[in-house]
PDB file of N, CA and C in Angstrom:
ATOM      1  N   MET A   1     106.999 117.229 113.505  1.00  0.00           N
ATOM      2  CA  MET A   1     106.367 117.402 112.249  1.00  0.00           C
ATOM      3  C   MET A   1     106.252 116.397 111.961  1.00  0.00           C
ATOM      4  N   PRO A   2     104.933 116.145 111.431  1.00  0.00           N
ATOM      5  CA  PRO A   2     104.587 114.731 110.387  1.00  0.00           C
ATOM      6  C   PRO A   2     105.098 115.017 109.095  1.00  0.00           C
ATOM      7  N   ALA A   3     105.829 114.208 108.594  1.00  0.00           N
ATOM      8  CA  ALA A   3     106.134 113.866 107.275  1.00  0.00           C
ATOM      9  C   ALA A   3     105.206 113.560 105.983  1.00  0.00           C
ATOM     10  N   PHE A   4     105.375 113.942 105.051  1.00  0.00           N
ATOM     11  CA  PHE A   4     104.539 114.191 104.105  1.00  0.00           C
ATOM     12  C   PHE A   4     105.161 113.295 102.754  1.00  0.00           C
ATOM     13  N   ASP A   5     104.080 112.676 102.167  1.00  0.00           N
ATOM     14  CA  ASP A   5     104.598 112.174 100.941  1.00  0.00           C
ATOM     15  C   ASP A   5     103.787 112.820  99.386  1.00  0.00           C
ATOM     16  N   ALA A   6     104.550 112.744  98.034  1.00  0.00           N
ATOM     17  CA  ALA A   6     103.523 113.100  97.094  1.00  0.00           C
ATOM     18  C   ALA A   6     102.620 112.452  97.133  1.00  0.00           C
ATOM     19  N   TRP A   7     101.503 113.198  96.391  1.00  0.00           N
ATOM     20  CA  TRP A   7      99.701 112.426  96.250  1.00  0.00           C
ATOM     21  C   TRP A   7      99.234 112.524  97.644  1.00  0.00           C
ATOM     22  N   ASP A   8      99.821 113.138  98.841  1.00  0.00           N
ATOM     23  CA  ASP A   8      98.921 113.370 100.126  1.00  0.00           C
ATOM     24  C   ASP A   8      97.923 114.282 100.029  1.00  0.00           C
ATOM     25  N   VAL A   9      96.921 114.567 100.367  1.00  0.00           N
ATOM     26  CA  VAL A   9      96.039 115.715 100.311  1.00  0.00           C
ATOM     27  C   VAL A   9      95.705 115.976 101.508  1.00  0.00           C
ATOM     28  N   VAL A  10      95.996 117.498 101.676  1.00  0.00           N
ATOM     29  CA  VAL A  10      96.101 118.253 102.780  1.00  0.00           C
ATOM     30  C   VAL A  10      95.073 119.300 102.782  1.00  0.00           C
ATOM     31  N   LYS A  11      95.298 119.740 104.158  1.00  0.00           N
ATOM     32  CA  LYS A  11      94.760 121.046 104.563  1.00  0.00           C
ATOM     33  C   LYS A  11      95.940 122.045 104.849  1.00  0.00           C
ATOM     34  N   VAL A  12      95.470 123.571 104.400  1.00  0.00           N
ATOM     35  CA  VAL A  12      96.600 124.046 104.372  1.00  0.00           C
ATOM     36  C   VAL A  12      96.227 125.460 104.241  1.00  0.00           C
ATOM     37  N   PRO A  13      96.342 126.490 104.684  1.00  0.00           N
ATOM     38  CA  PRO A  13      96.351 128.107 104.455  1.00  0.00           C
ATOM     39  C   PRO A  13      96.753 128.641 102.963  1.00  0.00           C
ATOM     40  N   PHE A  14      95.831 128.294 102.035  1.00  0.00           N
ATOM     41  CA  PHE A  14      96.598 128.261 100.856  1.00  0.00           C
ATOM     42  C   PHE A  14      96.609 130.101 100.058  1.00  0.00           C
ATOM     43  N   PRO A  15      97.392 130.403  99.579  1.00  0.00           N
ATOM     44  CA  PRO A  15      97.548 131.791  99.367  1.00  0.00           C
ATOM     45  C   PRO A  15      96.605 132.234  98.108  1.00  0.00           C
ATOM     46  N   TYR A  16      96.181 133.124  97.990  1.00  0.00           N
ATOM     47  CA  TYR A  16      95.412 133.848  96.679  1.00  0.00           C
ATOM     48  C   TYR A  16      96.164 134.484  95.786  1.00  0.00           C
ATOM     49  N   THR A  17      96.216 134.633  94.663  1.00  0.00           N
ATOM     50  CA  THR A  17      96.551 135.525  93.770  1.00  0.00           C
ATOM     51  C   THR A  17      96.519 136.755  93.613  1.00  0.00           C
ATOM     52  N   ASP A  18      95.306 136.835  94.072  1.00  0.00           N
ATOM     53  CA  ASP A  18      94.303 138.203  93.382  1.00  0.00           C
ATOM     54  C   ASP A  18      93.991 139.019  94.493  1.00  0.00           C
ATOM     55  N   ARG A  19      94.509 138.390  95.964  1.00  0.00           N
ATOM     56  CA  ARG A  19      94.409 139.607  97.317  1.00  0.00           C
ATOM     57  C   ARG A  19      95.164 139.005  98.338  1.00  0.00           C
ATOM     58  N   PRO A  20      95.385 139.998  99.356  1.00  0.00           N
ATOM     59  CA  PRO A  20      96.209 139.538 100.559  1.00  0.00           C
ATOM     60  C   PRO A  20      95.633 138.521 101.367  1.00  0.00           C
ATOM     61  N   VAL A  21      94.937 137.215 101.002  1.00  0.00           N
ATOM     62  CA  VAL A  21      93.943 136.317 101.943  1.00  0.00           C
ATOM     63  C   VAL A  21      94.564 135.159 101.982  1.00  0.00           C
ATOM     64  N   ARG A  22      94.870 133.989 103.063  1.00  0.00           N
ATOM     65  CA  ARG A  22      94.808 133.094 103.192  1.00  0.00           C
ATOM     66  C   ARG A  22      93.904 132.599 103.711  1.00  0.00           C
ATOM     67  N   GLN A  23      92.909 131.221 103.023  1.00  0.00           N
ATOM     68  CA  GLN A  23      91.945 130.410 103.399  1.00  0.00           C
ATOM     69  C   GLN A  23      92.645 129.089 103.768  1.00  0.00           C
ATOM     70  N   ARG A  24      92.029 128.178 104.632  1.00  0.00           N
ATOM     71  CA  ARG A  24      92.180 127.248 105.403  1.00  0.00           C
ATOM     72  C   ARG A  24      91.468 125.966 104.113  1.00  0.00           C
ATOM     73  N   ARG A  25      91.943 125.612 103.452  1.00  0.00           N
ATOM     74  CA  ARG A  25      91.252 124.716 101.885  1.00  0.00           C
ATOM     75  C   ARG A  25      92.272 123.299 101.742  1.00  0.00           C
ATOM     76  N   PRO A  26      91.769 122.496 100.922  1.00  0.00           N
ATOM     77  CA  PRO A  26      92.282 121.092 100.499  1.00  0.00           C
ATOM     78  C   PRO A  26      93.143 121.656  99.293  1.00  0.00           C
ATOM     79  N   ALA A  27      94.592 120.723  99.346  1.00  0.00           N
ATOM     80  CA  ALA A  27      95.488 120.817  98.285  1.00  0.00           C
ATOM     81  C   ALA A  27      96.111 119.413  98.352  1.00  0.00           C
ATOM     82  N   LEU A  28      96.617 119.326  97.107  1.00  0.00           N
ATOM     83  CA  LEU A  28      97.703 118.041  96.881  1.00  0.00           C
ATOM     84  C   LEU A  28      99.124 118.286  96.703  1.00  0.00           C
ATOM     85  N   VAL A  29      99.590 117.775  97.589  1.00  0.00           N
ATOM     86  CA  VAL A  29     101.254 117.328  97.781  1.00  0.00           C
ATOM     87  C   VAL A  29     101.999 116.790  96.547  1.00  0.00           C
ATOM     88  N   VAL A  30     102.841 117.993  95.603  1.00  0.00           N
ATOM     89  CA  VAL A  30     103.339 117.453  94.818  1.00  0.00           C
ATOM     90  C   VAL A  30     105.043 117.570  94.678  1.00  0.00           C
ATOM     91  N   SER A  31     105.330 118.002  95.905  1.00  0.00           N
ATOM     92  CA  SER A  31     106.948 117.728  95.888  1.00  0.00           C
ATOM     93  C   SER A  31     107.325 116.661  96.331  1.00  0.00           C
ATOM     94  N   ALA A  32     109.047 116.023  96.367  1.00  0.00           N
ATOM     95  CA  ALA A  32     109.507 115.084  96.820  1.00  0.00           C
ATOM     96  C   ALA A  32     110.070 115.154  98.483  1.00  0.00           C
ATOM     97  N   ALA A  33     109.828 114.016  98.794  1.00  0.00           N
ATOM     98  CA  ALA A  33     110.669 114.626 100.336  1.00  0.00           C
ATOM     99  C   ALA A  33     111.573 115.611 100.815  1.00  0.00           C
ATOM    100  N   GLY A  34     112.624 115.594  99.975  1.00  0.00           N
ATOM    101  CA  GLY A  34     113.825 116.412  99.814  1.00  0.00           C
ATOM    102  C   GLY A  34     113.612 117.640 100.728  1.00  0.00           C
ATOM    103  N   LEU A  35     112.517 118.314  99.751  1.00  0.00           N
ATOM    104  CA  LEU A  35     112.334 119.540  99.786  1.00  0.00           C
ATOM    105  C   LEU A  35     111.588 119.959 101.241  1.00  0.00           C
ATOM    106  N   GLN A  36     111.264 118.981 102.079  1.00  0.00           N
ATOM    107  CA  GLN A  36     110.612 118.983 103.207  1.00  0.00           C
ATOM    108  C   GLN A  36     111.599 118.792 104.208  1.00  0.00           C
ATOM    109  N   GLN A  37     112.500 117.725 104.288  1.00  0.00           N
ATOM    110  CA  GLN A  37     113.253 117.210 105.223  1.00  0.00           C
ATOM    111  C   GLN A  37     114.685 118.602 105.027  1.00  0.00           C
ATOM    112  N   GLN A  38     114.717 119.226 103.928  1.00  0.00           N
ATOM    113  CA  GLN A  38     115.847 120.171 104.047  1.00  0.00           C
ATOM    114  C   GLN A  38     115.720 121.014 103.901  1.00  0.00           C
ATOM    115  N   HIS A  39     113.874 121.822 103.825  1.00  0.00           N
ATOM    116  CA  HIS A  39     113.517 123.422 103.806  1.00  0.00           C
ATOM    117  C   HIS A  39     112.373 123.365 104.552  1.00  0.00           C
ATOM    118  N   GLY A  40     111.838 122.480 104.884  1.00  0.00           N
ATOM    119  CA  GLY A  40     110.693 122.140 106.131  1.00  0.00           C
ATOM    120  C   GLY A  40     109.354 122.866 105.297  1.00  0.00           C
ATOM    121  N   LEU A  41     109.437 122.847 103.460  1.00  0.00           N
ATOM    122  CA  LEU A  41     108.491 123.408 102.522  1.00  0.00           C
ATOM    123  C   LEU A  41     107.540 122.432 101.876  1.00  0.00           C
ATOM    124  N   LEU A  42     106.600 122.597 101.306  1.00  0.00           N
ATOM    125  CA  LEU A  42     105.894 121.886 100.787  1.00  0.00           C
ATOM    126  C   LEU A  42     105.510 122.279  99.411  1.00  0.00           C
ATOM    127  N   TRP A  43     105.610 121.660  97.978  1.00  0.00           N
ATOM    128  CA  TRP A  43     104.712 121.909  97.167  1.00  0.00           C
ATOM    129  C   TRP A  43     103.341 121.663  97.051  1.00  0.00           C
ATOM    130  N   VAL A  44     102.541 122.561  96.543  1.00  0.00           N
ATOM    131  CA  VAL A  44     101.235 121.977  96.746  1.00  0.00           C
ATOM    132  C   VAL A  44     100.483 122.490  95.413  1.00  0.00           C
ATOM    133  N   LEU A  45      99.433 122.069  95.022  1.00  0.00           N
ATOM    134  CA  LEU A  45      98.498 122.418  94.091  1.00  0.00           C
ATOM    135  C   LEU A  45      96.897 122.270  94.870  1.00  0.00           C
ATOM    136  N   MET A  46      96.631 123.444  94.370  1.00  0.00           N
ATOM    137  CA  MET A  46      95.018 123.490  94.775  1.00  0.00           C
ATOM    138  C   MET A  46      94.165 122.907  94.238  1.00  0.00           C
ATOM    139  N   ILE A  47      93.002 122.788  95.286  1.00  0.00           N
ATOM    140  CA  ILE A  47      91.900 121.644  95.378  1.00  0.00           C
ATOM    141  C   ILE A  47      90.850 122.596  95.418  1.00  0.00           C
ATOM    142  N   THR A  48      90.005 122.647  94.414  1.00  0.00           N
ATOM    143  CA  THR A  48      88.411 123.146  94.759  1.00  0.00           C
ATOM    144  C   THR A  48      87.453 122.211  94.200  1.00  0.00           C
ATOM    145  N   SER A  49      85.798 123.281  94.341  1.00  0.00           N
ATOM    146  CA  SER A  49      85.026 122.503  93.881  1.00  0.00           C
ATOM    147  C   SER A  49      84.805 122.095  92.393  1.00  0.00           C
ATOM    148  N   ALA A  50      84.357 121.371  92.287  1.00  0.00           N
ATOM    149  CA  ALA A  50      84.157 121.109  90.937  1.00  0.00           C
ATOM    150  C   ALA A  50      82.935 121.764  90.421  1.00  0.00           C
ATOM    151  N   GLU A  51      81.902 122.585  91.610  1.00  0.00           N
ATOM    152  CA  GLU A  51      81.270 123.508  90.733  1.00  0.00           C
ATOM    153  C   GLU A  51      81.682 124.884  90.244  1.00  0.00           C
ATOM    154  N   ASN A  52      82.873 125.115  90.443  1.00  0.00           N
ATOM    155  CA  ASN A  52      83.781 126.671  90.328  1.00  0.00           C
ATOM    156  C   ASN A  52      83.290 126.188  88.251  1.00  0.00           C
ATOM    157  N   ARG A  53      83.841 127.098  87.861  1.00  0.00           N
ATOM    158  CA  ARG A  53      84.322 127.434  86.442  1.00  0.00           C
ATOM    159  C   ARG A  53      85.409 126.561  86.263  1.00  0.00           C
ATOM    160  N   GLY A  54      85.462 125.625  84.762  1.00  0.00           N
ATOM    161  CA  GLY A  54      86.509 124.799  84.933  1.00  0.00           C
ATOM    162  C   GLY A  54      87.806 125.358  84.267  1.00  0.00           C
ATOM    163  N   TRP A  55      89.243 125.283  84.443  1.00  0.00           N
ATOM    164  CA  TRP A  55      90.234 125.644  83.738  1.00  0.00           C
ATOM    165  C   TRP A  55      90.896 124.815  83.079  1.00  0.00           C
ATOM    166  N   PRO A  56      91.394 124.787  81.693  1.00  0.00           N
ATOM    167  CA  PRO A  56      92.069 124.193  81.355  1.00  0.00           C
ATOM    168  C   PRO A  56      93.250 123.702  82.667  1.00  0.00           C
ATOM    169  N   GLY A  57      93.522 122.110  82.596  1.00  0.00           N
ATOM    170  CA  GLY A  57      94.600 121.347  83.253  1.00  0.00           C
ATOM    171  C   GLY A  57      93.959 120.953  84.342  1.00  0.00           C
ATOM    172  N   ASP A  58      92.694 120.858  85.118  1.00  0.00           N
ATOM    173  CA  ASP A  58      91.878 121.006  85.732  1.00  0.00           C
ATOM    174  C   ASP A  58      91.551 119.068  85.430  1.00  0.00           C
ATOM    175  N   VAL A  59      91.996 118.332  87.248  1.00  0.00           N
ATOM    176  CA  VAL A  59      91.347 116.739  87.252  1.00  0.00           C
ATOM    177  C   VAL A  59      91.064 116.796  88.142  1.00  0.00           C
ATOM    178  N   PRO A  60      89.694 116.112  87.690  1.00  0.00           N
ATOM    179  CA  PRO A  60      88.959 115.638  88.700  1.00  0.00           C
ATOM    180  C   PRO A  60      89.317 114.466  89.503  1.00  0.00           C
ATOM    181  N   ILE A  61      88.448 114.380  90.918  1.00  0.00           N
ATOM    182  CA  ILE A  61      89.384 113.518  91.855  1.00  0.00           C
ATOM    183  C   ILE A  61      87.708 112.593  92.255  1.00  0.00           C
ATOM    184  N   ALA A  62      88.294 111.174  91.632  1.00  0.00           N
ATOM    185  CA  ALA A  62      87.205 110.127  91.769  1.00  0.00           C
ATOM    186  C   ALA A  62      86.523 109.286  93.079  1.00  0.00           C
ATOM    187  N   ASP A  63      87.554 109.772  93.686  1.00  0.00           N
ATOM    188  CA  ASP A  63      87.565 108.930  95.040  1.00  0.00           C
ATOM    189  C   ASP A  63      87.777 110.043  96.491  1.00  0.00           C
ATOM    190  N   LEU A  64      86.547 110.477  96.403  1.00  0.00           N
ATOM    191  CA  LEU A  64      86.321 111.423  97.626  1.00  0.00           C
ATOM    192  C   LEU A  64      86.961 110.973  98.838  1.00  0.00           C
ATOM    193  N   THR A  65      86.382 110.211  99.038  1.00  0.00           N
ATOM    194  CA  THR A  65      85.872 109.609 100.445  1.00  0.00           C
ATOM    195  C   THR A  65      88.314 108.860 100.493  1.00  0.00           C
ATOM    196  N   GLY A  66      88.458 108.489  99.761  1.00  0.00           N
ATOM    197  CA  GLY A  66      90.265 108.608 100.115  1.00  0.00           C
ATOM    198  C   GLY A  66      90.831 109.571  99.980  1.00  0.00           C
ATOM    199  N   ALA A  67      90.127 110.440  99.569  1.00  0.00           N
ATOM    200  CA  ALA A  67      90.810 112.217  99.663  1.00  0.00           C
ATOM    201  C   ALA A  67      91.322 112.656 100.835  1.00  0.00           C
ATOM    202  N   GLY A  68      89.879 112.638 101.527  1.00  0.00           N
ATOM    203  CA  GLY A  68      89.506 113.071 102.777  1.00  0.00           C
ATOM    204  C   GLY A  68      88.396 113.955 102.134  1.00  0.00           C
ATOM    205  N   LEU A  69      87.569 114.466 101.303  1.00  0.00           N
ATOM    206  CA  LEU A  69      87.179 115.423 100.667  1.00  0.00           C
ATOM    207  C   LEU A  69      85.721 114.964 100.669  1.00  0.00           C
ATOM    208  N   PRO A  70      84.368 115.950 101.007  1.00  0.00           N
ATOM    209  CA  PRO A  70      83.300 116.113 101.432  1.00  0.00           C
ATOM    210  C   PRO A  70      82.467 116.227 100.268  1.00  0.00           C
ATOM    211  N   ALA A  71      82.790 116.814  99.127  1.00  0.00           N
ATOM    212  CA  ALA A  71      82.389 117.109  98.127  1.00  0.00           C
ATOM    213  C   ALA A  71      82.637 116.975  96.887  1.00  0.00           C
ATOM    214  N   PRO A  72      82.314 117.373  94.885  1.00  0.00           N
ATOM    215  CA  PRO A  72      82.646 116.805  94.187  1.00  0.00           C
ATOM    216  C   PRO A  72      84.070 117.799  93.951  1.00  0.00           C
ATOM    217  N   SER A  73      84.835 117.562  93.955  1.00  0.00           N
ATOM    218  CA  SER A  73      86.396 118.176  93.577  1.00  0.00           C
ATOM    219  C   SER A  73      87.424 118.211  92.078  1.00  0.00           C
ATOM    220  N   VAL A  74      88.248 119.278  92.144  1.00  0.00           N
ATOM    221  CA  VAL A  74      89.233 119.036  90.785  1.00  0.00           C
ATOM    222  C   VAL A  74      90.674 119.645  91.428  1.00  0.00           C
ATOM    223  N   ILE A  75      91.868 119.083  90.986  1.00  0.00           N
ATOM    224  CA  ILE A  75      92.961 119.621  91.285  1.00  0.00           C
ATOM    225  C   ILE A  75      92.983 120.779  90.442  1.00  0.00           C
ATOM    226  N   ARG A  76      93.342 122.010  90.640  1.00  0.00           N
ATOM    227  CA  ARG A  76      93.543 122.547  89.606  1.00  0.00           C
ATOM    228  C   ARG A  76      94.973 122.733  89.559  1.00  0.00           C
ATOM    229  N   THR A  77      95.539 122.178  88.261  1.00  0.00           N
ATOM    230  CA  THR A  77      97.527 122.153  88.375  1.00  0.00           C
ATOM    231  C   THR A  77      97.579 123.359  87.599  1.00  0.00           C
ATOM    232  N   ALA A  78      97.248 124.485  87.360  1.00  0.00           N
ATOM    233  CA  ALA A  78      97.682 126.216  87.143  1.00  0.00           C
ATOM    234  C   ALA A  78      97.960 126.517  88.617  1.00  0.00           C
ATOM    235  N   LYS A  79      97.189 126.010  89.633  1.00  0.00           N
ATOM    236  CA  LYS A  79      97.910 127.152  90.792  1.00  0.00           C
ATOM    237  C   LYS A  79      98.293 125.775  92.073  1.00  0.00           C
ATOM    238  N   ILE A  80      99.761 126.348  91.705  1.00  0.00           N
ATOM    239  CA  ILE A  80     100.732 125.800  92.407  1.00  0.00           C
ATOM    240  C   ILE A  80     101.319 126.841  93.652  1.00  0.00           C
ATOM    241  N   ALA A  81     101.115 126.321  94.774  1.00  0.00           N
ATOM    242  CA  ALA A  81     102.515 127.204  95.753  1.00  0.00           C
ATOM    243  C   ALA A  81     103.314 125.997  96.538  1.00  0.00           C
ATOM    244  N   THR A  82     104.173 127.320  97.362  1.00  0.00           N
ATOM    245  CA  THR A  82     105.259 127.001  98.240  1.00  0.00           C
ATOM    246  C   THR A  82     104.554 127.214  99.861  1.00  0.00           C
ATOM    247  N   ILE A  83     104.482 126.201 100.419  1.00  0.00           N
ATOM    248  CA  ILE A  83     103.729 126.247 101.672  1.00  0.00           C
ATOM    249  C   ILE A  83     104.808 125.908 103.037  1.00  0.00           C
ATOM    250  N   GLU A  84     104.958 126.208 103.857  1.00  0.00           N
ATOM    251  CA  GLU A  84     105.656 125.316 105.273  1.00  0.00           C
ATOM    252  C   GLU A  84     104.922 124.601 105.549  1.00  0.00           C
ATOM    253  N   ALA A  85     105.914 123.379 105.835  1.00  0.00           N
ATOM    254  CA  ALA A  85     105.200 121.906 106.277  1.00  0.00           C
ATOM    255  C   ALA A  85     104.377 121.779 107.151  1.00  0.00           C
ATOM    256  N   LYS A  86     104.800 122.609 107.871  1.00  0.00           N
ATOM    257  CA  LYS A  86     104.058 122.896 109.720  1.00  0.00           C
ATOM    258  C   LYS A  86     102.574 123.262 109.719  1.00  0.00           C
ATOM    259  N   ASP A  87     102.744 123.852 108.601  1.00  0.00           N
ATOM    260  CA  ASP A  87     101.014 124.433 108.516  1.00  0.00           C
ATOM    261  C   ASP A  87     100.041 123.250 107.993  1.00  0.00           C
ATOM    262  N   ALA A  88     100.803 122.263 107.351  1.00  0.00           N
ATOM    263  CA  ALA A  88      99.962 121.196 107.300  1.00  0.00           C
ATOM    264  C   ALA A  88      98.906 119.893 107.398  1.00  0.00           C
ATOM    265  N   GLU A  89      97.875 119.866 107.509  1.00  0.00           N
ATOM    266  CA  GLU A  89      97.603 118.848 108.512  1.00  0.00           C
ATOM    267  C   GLU A  89      96.865 117.644 107.087  1.00  0.00           C
ATOM    268  N   ARG A  90      97.187 116.595 106.656  1.00  0.00           N
ATOM    269  CA  ARG A  90      96.756 115.457 106.347  1.00  0.00           C
ATOM    270  C   ARG A  90      95.674 115.055 105.949  1.00  0.00           C
ATOM    271  N   ILE A  91      94.518 115.188 105.035  1.00  0.00           N
ATOM    272  CA  ILE A  91      93.548 114.453 105.401  1.00  0.00           C
ATOM    273  C   ILE A  91      93.118 113.284 104.226  1.00  0.00           C
ATOM    274  N   GLY A  92      94.118 113.224 103.255  1.00  0.00           N
ATOM    275  CA  GLY A  92      93.814 111.758 102.510  1.00  0.00           C
ATOM    276  C   GLY A  92      94.744 111.357 101.514  1.00  0.00           C
ATOM    277  N   SER A  93      94.787 111.046 100.281  1.00  0.00           N
ATOM    278  CA  SER A  93      95.398 110.816  99.369  1.00  0.00           C
ATOM    279  C   SER A  93      94.571 110.502  98.125  1.00  0.00           C
ATOM    280  N   LEU A  94      95.693 111.019  96.762  1.00  0.00           N
ATOM    281  CA  LEU A  94      95.035 110.737  95.546  1.00  0.00           C
ATOM    282  C   LEU A  94      95.051 109.389  95.140  1.00  0.00           C
ATOM    283  N   GLU A  95      93.800 108.605  94.469  1.00  0.00           N
ATOM    284  CA  GLU A  95      93.926 107.575  93.843  1.00  0.00           C
ATOM    285  C   GLU A  95      95.040 107.785  92.525  1.00  0.00           C
ATOM    286  N   PRO A  96      95.399 106.425  92.283  1.00  0.00           N
ATOM    287  CA  PRO A  96      96.490 106.595  91.191  1.00  0.00           C
ATOM    288  C   PRO A  96      96.302 106.978  89.483  1.00  0.00           C
ATOM    289  N   GLY A  97      94.977 107.033  89.218  1.00  0.00           N
ATOM    290  CA  GLY A  97      94.309 107.172  88.039  1.00  0.00           C
ATOM    291  C   GLY A  97      94.917 108.870  87.649  1.00  0.00           C
ATOM    292  N   ALA A  98      94.188 109.745  88.500  1.00  0.00           N
ATOM    293  CA  ALA A  98      94.203 110.763  88.897  1.00  0.00           C
ATOM    294  C   ALA A  98      95.726 111.550  89.144  1.00  0.00           C
ATOM    295  N   ARG A  99      96.353 110.956  89.517  1.00  0.00           N
ATOM    296  CA  ARG A  99      97.899 110.693  89.957  1.00  0.00           C
ATOM    297  C   ARG A  99      98.656 110.735  88.492  1.00  0.00           C
ATOM    298  N   GLN A 100      98.425 109.830  87.671  1.00  0.00           N
ATOM    299  CA  GLN A 100      99.106 109.966  86.451  1.00  0.00           C
ATOM    300  C   GLN A 100      99.067 111.333  85.484  1.00  0.00           C
ATOM    301  N   ALA A 101      97.254 111.474  85.455  1.00  0.00           N
ATOM    302  CA  ALA A 101      96.794 112.651  85.037  1.00  0.00           C
ATOM    303  C   ALA A 101      97.378 114.291  85.893  1.00  0.00           C
ATOM    304  N   VAL A 102      97.787 114.194  86.722  1.00  0.00           N
ATOM    305  CA  VAL A 102      98.337 115.589  87.117  1.00  0.00           C
ATOM    306  C   VAL A 102      99.845 115.227  87.025  1.00  0.00           C
ATOM    307  N   ARG A 103     100.568 114.197  87.022  1.00  0.00           N
ATOM    308  CA  ARG A 103     102.073 113.918  86.642  1.00  0.00           C
ATOM    309  C   ARG A 103     101.970 114.309  84.882  1.00  0.00           C
ATOM    310  N   GLN A 104     101.571 114.011  84.067  1.00  0.00           N
ATOM    311  CA  GLN A 104     101.734 114.179  82.835  1.00  0.00           C
ATOM    312  C   GLN A 104     100.939 115.860  82.425  1.00  0.00           C
ATOM    313  N   LEU A 105     100.113 116.290  83.387  1.00  0.00           N
ATOM    314  CA  LEU A 105     100.324 118.065  83.406  1.00  0.00           C
ATOM    315  C   LEU A 105     101.378 118.409  83.744  1.00  0.00           C
ATOM    316  N   LEU A 106     101.732 118.311  84.654  1.00  0.00           N
ATOM    317  CA  LEU A 106     102.767 118.997  85.702  1.00  0.00           C
ATOM    318  C   LEU A 106     104.249 118.837  84.497  1.00  0.00           C
ATOM    319  N   LEU A 107     104.712 117.639  84.220  1.00  0.00           N
ATOM    320  CA  LEU A 107     105.461 117.364  83.217  1.00  0.00           C
ATOM    321  C   LEU A 107     105.576 118.139  82.139  1.00  0.00           C
ATOM    322  N   ALA A 108     104.442 118.319  81.838  1.00  0.00           N
ATOM    323  CA  ALA A 108     103.931 118.917  80.028  1.00  0.00           C
ATOM    324  C   ALA A 108     104.380 120.908  79.975  1.00  0.00           C
ATOM    325  N   GLY A 109     103.733 120.909  81.725  1.00  0.00           N
ATOM    326  CA  GLY A 109     104.095 122.389  82.079  1.00  0.00           C
ATOM    327  C   GLY A 109     105.329 122.892  82.372  1.00  0.00           C
ATOM    328  N   LEU A 110     106.633 121.776  82.709  1.00  0.00           N
ATOM    329  CA  LEU A 110     107.678 121.840  83.058  1.00  0.00           C
ATOM    330  C   LEU A 110     108.406 121.825  81.862  1.00  0.00           C
ATOM    331  N   ALA A 111     108.092 120.850  80.889  1.00  0.00           N
ATOM    332  CA  ALA A 111     108.644 121.185  79.464  1.00  0.00           C
ATOM    333  C   ALA A 111     108.436 122.298  79.118  1.00  0.00           C
ATOM    334  N   SER A 112     107.289 122.803  78.507  1.00  0.00           N
ATOM    335  CA  SER A 112     107.114 124.028  78.286  1.00  0.00           C
ATOM    336  C   SER A 112     107.804 125.091  78.484  1.00  0.00           C
ATOM    337  N   ALA A 113     108.483 125.363  79.943  1.00  0.00           N
ATOM    338  CA  ALA A 113     108.752 126.385  80.216  1.00  0.00           C
ATOM    339  C   ALA A 113     110.544 126.364  79.666  1.00  0.00           C
ATOM    340  N   THR A 114     110.950 125.055  79.664  1.00  0.00           N
ATOM    341  CA  THR A 114     112.530 125.149  79.336  1.00  0.00           C
ATOM    342  C   THR A 114     112.347 125.175  78.127  1.00  0.00           C
ATOM    343  N   ASN A 115     111.432 125.580  76.882  1.00  0.00           N
ATOM    344  CA  ASN A 115     112.043 125.922  75.886  1.00  0.00           C
ATOM    345  C   ASN A 115     111.760 127.148  75.241  1.00  0.00           C
TER     346      ASN A 115
END
């Protein structure tokens, strides 16, 4: 099984919250290597088309080629999932500017959960 790093863009069977279906789609790995090594799992954020209605916390992806994406896309930081690492396929990597925005939004969300 390949090892994944935080900020890898992968293609995975992403679960939907509103229906019992999975669709192969891009996602952003946000977990550290320990989760994969110890449990064979990855935490991923949904990546969706920039044409969809925006949500608070969406982060645009500027470098589509580097991310391995064919069309304008955003990271939907409100949609996080745990997936089996064996089901993921690396297609690219997220640029540093977007990494910082995602990191700040995730930390803010975690901080509000502890209050």
